[in-house]
N, C-alpha and C. Protein backbone atom coordinates (compact mmCIF):
# COMPACT_ATOMS: atom_id res chain seq x y z
N UNK A 1 -9.70 -3.16 7.76
CA UNK A 1 -9.69 -3.09 6.22
C UNK A 1 -10.14 -1.75 5.76
N UNK A 2 -9.43 -1.26 4.83
CA UNK A 2 -10.01 0.21 4.36
C UNK A 2 -9.42 0.12 2.69
N UNK A 3 -10.19 1.02 2.09
CA UNK A 3 -11.31 1.47 2.36
C UNK A 3 -12.57 0.72 2.55
N UNK A 4 -13.49 0.91 3.21
CA UNK A 4 -14.78 0.15 3.50
C UNK A 4 -16.05 0.93 3.44
N UNK A 5 -16.82 0.80 2.51
CA UNK A 5 -17.12 -0.16 1.34
C UNK A 5 -15.96 0.29 0.35
N UNK A 6 -15.69 -0.91 -0.54
CA UNK A 6 -14.56 -0.63 -1.61
C UNK A 6 -15.04 -1.30 -3.07
N UNK A 7 -14.62 -0.90 -4.09
CA UNK A 7 -14.63 -1.69 -5.18
C UNK A 7 -13.22 -2.13 -5.97
N UNK A 8 -12.39 -1.44 -5.44
CA UNK A 8 -11.17 -1.70 -6.11
C UNK A 8 -9.98 -2.18 -5.10
N UNK A 9 -8.94 -1.62 -4.67
CA UNK A 9 -7.96 -1.99 -3.83
C UNK A 9 -8.31 -1.92 -2.33
N UNK A 10 -8.11 -3.03 -1.66
CA UNK A 10 -8.33 -3.00 -0.31
C UNK A 10 -7.13 -3.28 0.56
N UNK A 11 -6.91 -2.47 1.66
CA UNK A 11 -5.84 -3.03 2.53
C UNK A 11 -6.18 -3.46 3.90
N UNK A 12 -5.68 -4.65 4.06
CA UNK A 12 -6.02 -5.07 5.62
C UNK A 12 -4.46 -4.94 6.54
N UNK A 13 -4.77 -4.40 7.56
CA UNK A 13 -3.70 -4.16 8.55
C UNK A 13 -3.90 -5.29 9.68
N UNK A 14 -2.53 -5.75 10.17
CA UNK A 14 -2.77 -6.79 11.15
C UNK A 14 -1.25 -6.74 11.83
N UNK A 15 -1.48 -7.12 13.20
CA UNK A 15 -0.11 -7.19 13.97
C UNK A 15 0.02 -8.43 14.34
N UNK A 16 1.36 -8.70 14.66
CA UNK A 16 1.76 -10.09 15.00
C UNK A 16 2.52 -10.13 16.43
N UNK A 17 2.37 -10.84 17.33
CA UNK A 17 2.83 -10.70 18.50
C UNK A 17 4.38 -11.05 18.65
N UNK A 18 5.30 -10.30 19.56
CA UNK A 18 6.65 -10.84 19.62
C UNK A 18 6.87 -12.22 20.11
N UNK A 19 5.82 -12.70 21.00
CA UNK A 19 5.97 -13.89 21.49
C UNK A 19 5.62 -14.78 20.64
N UNK A 20 5.24 -14.76 19.35
CA UNK A 20 4.79 -15.47 18.40
C UNK A 20 5.97 -16.19 17.62
N UNK A 21 7.25 -15.73 17.87
CA UNK A 21 8.40 -16.22 17.24
C UNK A 21 8.81 -15.24 16.04
N UNK A 22 10.00 -15.47 15.43
CA UNK A 22 10.19 -14.62 14.32
C UNK A 22 9.60 -14.95 12.90
N UNK A 23 9.24 -16.06 12.86
CA UNK A 23 8.56 -16.63 11.55
C UNK A 23 7.32 -17.00 11.79
N UNK A 24 6.37 -16.32 11.45
CA UNK A 24 4.89 -16.62 11.69
C UNK A 24 4.26 -16.66 10.36
N UNK A 25 3.33 -17.82 10.10
CA UNK A 25 2.77 -18.17 8.91
C UNK A 25 1.57 -17.31 8.99
N UNK A 26 1.19 -16.68 7.76
CA UNK A 26 -0.08 -15.86 7.61
C UNK A 26 -0.69 -16.20 6.50
N UNK A 27 -2.02 -16.38 6.42
CA UNK A 27 -2.65 -16.27 5.18
C UNK A 27 -3.94 -15.32 5.21
N UNK A 28 -4.23 -14.69 4.04
CA UNK A 28 -5.63 -13.78 4.03
C UNK A 28 -6.57 -14.62 2.91
N UNK A 29 -7.73 -14.89 3.64
CA UNK A 29 -8.54 -15.67 2.78
C UNK A 29 -9.74 -14.97 2.63
N UNK A 30 -10.42 -14.85 1.43
CA UNK A 30 -11.95 -14.10 1.14
C UNK A 30 -12.82 -15.27 1.12
N UNK A 31 -14.01 -14.96 1.78
CA UNK A 31 -15.25 -15.84 1.50
C UNK A 31 -16.64 -14.68 1.49
N UNK A 32 -17.51 -15.42 0.82
CA UNK A 32 -18.81 -14.42 0.90
C UNK A 32 -19.43 -14.74 2.13
N UNK A 33 -20.52 -13.97 2.19
CA UNK A 33 -21.45 -14.03 3.46
C UNK A 33 -21.89 -15.28 3.91
N UNK A 34 -22.14 -16.09 2.79
CA UNK A 34 -22.61 -17.47 3.08
C UNK A 34 -21.16 -18.41 3.35
N UNK A 35 -20.34 -18.14 3.39
CA UNK A 35 -18.98 -18.81 3.78
C UNK A 35 -18.59 -19.47 2.88
N UNK A 36 -18.74 -19.36 1.48
CA UNK A 36 -18.13 -19.86 0.38
C UNK A 36 -16.83 -19.33 0.09
N UNK A 37 -15.75 -19.93 -0.03
CA UNK A 37 -14.23 -19.68 -0.46
C UNK A 37 -14.40 -18.83 -1.81
N UNK A 38 -13.88 -17.68 -1.67
CA UNK A 38 -13.64 -16.87 -2.83
C UNK A 38 -12.10 -16.99 -3.17
N UNK A 39 -11.26 -17.31 -2.25
CA UNK A 39 -9.67 -17.49 -2.67
C UNK A 39 -8.88 -17.22 -1.36
N UNK A 40 -7.47 -17.26 -1.76
CA UNK A 40 -6.46 -16.90 -0.52
C UNK A 40 -5.69 -15.75 -1.66
N UNK A 41 -5.93 -14.27 -0.79
CA UNK A 41 -5.19 -13.38 -1.53
C UNK A 41 -3.75 -13.15 -1.05
N UNK A 42 -3.36 -13.65 -0.04
CA UNK A 42 -1.93 -13.65 0.33
C UNK A 42 -1.55 -14.97 1.27
N UNK A 43 -0.33 -15.27 1.27
CA UNK A 43 0.07 -16.33 1.97
C UNK A 43 1.58 -15.96 2.06
N UNK A 44 2.18 -16.23 3.44
CA UNK A 44 3.52 -15.85 3.50
C UNK A 44 4.06 -16.04 4.98
N UNK A 45 5.35 -15.90 5.15
CA UNK A 45 6.01 -15.90 6.52
C UNK A 45 6.19 -14.32 6.94
N UNK A 46 5.88 -13.77 8.11
CA UNK A 46 6.04 -12.56 8.82
C UNK A 46 6.76 -12.40 10.05
N UNK A 47 7.60 -11.57 10.06
CA UNK A 47 7.92 -11.23 11.49
C UNK A 47 7.13 -10.70 12.66
N UNK A 48 7.15 -10.67 13.76
CA UNK A 48 6.30 -9.78 14.62
C UNK A 48 6.30 -8.42 14.30
N UNK A 49 5.31 -7.77 14.63
CA UNK A 49 5.10 -6.15 14.49
C UNK A 49 3.89 -6.05 13.51
N UNK A 50 3.79 -4.82 13.05
CA UNK A 50 2.47 -4.34 12.09
C UNK A 50 2.86 -4.62 10.73
N UNK A 51 1.82 -5.07 10.14
CA UNK A 51 1.90 -5.33 8.75
C UNK A 51 0.54 -4.75 7.95
N UNK A 52 0.76 -4.62 6.60
CA UNK A 52 -0.24 -4.09 5.76
C UNK A 52 -0.08 -5.00 4.56
N UNK A 53 -1.48 -5.50 4.15
CA UNK A 53 -1.40 -6.38 2.73
C UNK A 53 -2.64 -5.77 2.01
N UNK A 54 -2.31 -5.62 0.61
CA UNK A 54 -3.26 -4.93 -0.12
C UNK A 54 -3.69 -5.99 -1.16
N UNK A 55 -4.89 -5.92 -1.70
CA UNK A 55 -5.37 -6.87 -2.92
C UNK A 55 -6.27 -6.19 -3.57
N UNK A 56 -6.43 -6.51 -4.83
CA UNK A 56 -7.36 -5.93 -5.99
C UNK A 56 -8.84 -6.49 -5.54
N UNK A 57 -9.67 -5.81 -4.92
CA UNK A 57 -11.00 -6.48 -4.78
C UNK A 57 -12.01 -6.59 -6.13
N UNK A 58 -11.49 -5.62 -7.07
CA UNK A 58 -12.01 -5.67 -8.46
C UNK A 58 -11.99 -6.94 -9.15
N UNK A 59 -11.05 -7.91 -8.67
CA UNK A 59 -10.94 -9.21 -9.33
C UNK A 59 -11.91 -10.25 -8.87
N UNK A 60 -12.70 -9.75 -7.69
CA UNK A 60 -13.87 -10.64 -7.27
C UNK A 60 -15.03 -10.27 -8.21
N UNK A 61 -15.07 -10.33 -9.43
CA UNK A 61 -16.20 -9.96 -10.23
C UNK A 61 -17.19 -10.41 -9.81
N UNK A 62 -18.37 -9.51 -9.74
CA UNK A 62 -19.85 -9.97 -9.44
C UNK A 62 -19.95 -10.76 -8.09
N UNK A 63 -19.21 -10.43 -7.26
CA UNK A 63 -19.42 -10.75 -5.69
C UNK A 63 -19.80 -9.55 -4.85
N UNK A 64 -21.12 -9.02 -5.37
CA UNK A 64 -21.41 -7.66 -4.92
C UNK A 64 -21.77 -8.29 -2.97
N UNK A 65 -21.60 -7.33 -2.37
CA UNK A 65 -22.20 -7.28 -0.86
C UNK A 65 -21.11 -7.70 0.10
N UNK A 66 -21.43 -8.28 1.17
CA UNK A 66 -20.62 -8.59 2.37
C UNK A 66 -19.63 -9.51 1.93
N UNK A 67 -18.30 -9.14 2.18
CA UNK A 67 -17.14 -10.33 2.16
C UNK A 67 -16.55 -10.50 3.47
N UNK A 68 -15.85 -11.57 3.98
CA UNK A 68 -15.24 -11.81 4.93
C UNK A 68 -13.70 -12.20 4.65
N UNK A 69 -13.01 -11.17 5.29
CA UNK A 69 -11.58 -11.58 5.04
C UNK A 69 -11.20 -12.09 6.30
N UNK A 70 -10.54 -13.24 6.17
CA UNK A 70 -9.97 -14.02 7.29
C UNK A 70 -8.59 -13.84 7.40
N UNK A 71 -7.94 -13.43 8.51
CA UNK A 71 -6.50 -13.40 8.94
C UNK A 71 -6.20 -14.75 9.71
N UNK A 72 -5.64 -15.72 9.16
CA UNK A 72 -4.99 -16.94 9.71
C UNK A 72 -3.75 -16.82 10.02
N UNK A 73 -2.94 -16.85 11.38
CA UNK A 73 -1.93 -16.97 11.93
C UNK A 73 -1.44 -18.32 12.67
N UNK A 74 -0.27 -18.82 12.22
CA UNK A 74 0.30 -20.03 12.85
C UNK A 74 1.76 -19.44 13.50
N UNK A 75 1.75 -19.62 14.59
CA UNK A 75 3.00 -19.30 15.21
C UNK A 75 3.36 -20.13 16.59
N UNK A 76 4.53 -19.68 17.41
CA UNK A 76 4.84 -20.60 18.55
C UNK A 76 3.75 -20.73 19.40
N UNK A 77 2.85 -19.73 19.65
CA UNK A 77 1.83 -19.64 20.51
C UNK A 77 0.57 -20.72 20.11
N UNK A 78 0.52 -21.05 18.82
CA UNK A 78 -0.60 -21.73 18.57
C UNK A 78 -1.08 -21.24 17.25
N UNK A 79 -2.47 -21.29 16.93
CA UNK A 79 -3.27 -20.98 15.82
C UNK A 79 -4.11 -19.71 16.36
N UNK A 80 -4.49 -18.74 15.61
CA UNK A 80 -5.61 -17.75 15.70
C UNK A 80 -5.97 -17.31 14.48
N UNK A 81 -7.23 -16.88 14.71
CA UNK A 81 -8.15 -16.22 13.39
C UNK A 81 -8.72 -15.05 13.64
N UNK A 82 -8.76 -14.16 12.89
CA UNK A 82 -9.47 -12.80 12.92
C UNK A 82 -10.43 -12.71 11.62
N UNK A 83 -11.56 -12.17 11.94
CA UNK A 83 -12.26 -11.76 10.65
C UNK A 83 -12.45 -10.54 10.50
N UNK A 84 -12.70 -10.11 9.31
CA UNK A 84 -12.95 -8.64 8.88
C UNK A 84 -14.02 -8.58 8.02
N UNK A 85 -15.14 -7.81 8.09
CA UNK A 85 -16.15 -7.62 7.23
C UNK A 85 -15.83 -6.31 6.33
N UNK A 86 -16.03 -6.80 5.04
CA UNK A 86 -15.87 -5.56 4.00
C UNK A 86 -17.09 -5.61 3.17
N UNK A 87 -17.42 -4.47 2.87
CA UNK A 87 -18.64 -4.40 1.87
C UNK A 87 -17.93 -4.17 0.54
N UNK A 88 -18.25 -4.87 -0.46
CA UNK A 88 -17.68 -4.90 -1.97
C UNK A 88 -19.04 -4.48 -2.94
N UNK A 89 -18.48 -3.56 -3.54
CA UNK A 89 -19.52 -2.73 -4.47
C UNK A 89 -18.95 -3.12 -5.97
N UNK A 90 -19.54 -3.84 -6.72
CA UNK A 90 -19.03 -4.20 -7.78
C UNK A 90 -19.50 -3.09 -8.80
N UNK A 91 -18.61 -2.96 -9.80
CA UNK A 91 -18.73 -1.83 -10.79
C UNK A 91 -18.42 -2.60 -12.02
N UNK A 92 -19.01 -2.12 -13.11
CA UNK A 92 -18.76 -2.89 -14.22
C UNK A 92 -17.77 -2.03 -15.17
N UNK A 93 -17.03 -1.16 -14.98
CA UNK A 93 -16.31 -0.20 -15.54
C UNK A 93 -15.13 -0.64 -16.41
């Protein structure tokens, strides 16, 4: 995820394997350091290959500190999960 730390737009890059099939279900979920869900920022069906998804971190008002971005994938090989840690700096501008 970049930039890291961030206070505005954040981009998460991920890749999906060719052996996962043509249509792979992906969701990006955000939680705080305590594991409380802050929401799903993206959900969709993607082909194999490299992808980038961006979201506006400033919409997570007053959630300063460590965020966990979880990329969940369901494809023909099963389920996989990867977590990325992002430091969110809340600004009141």
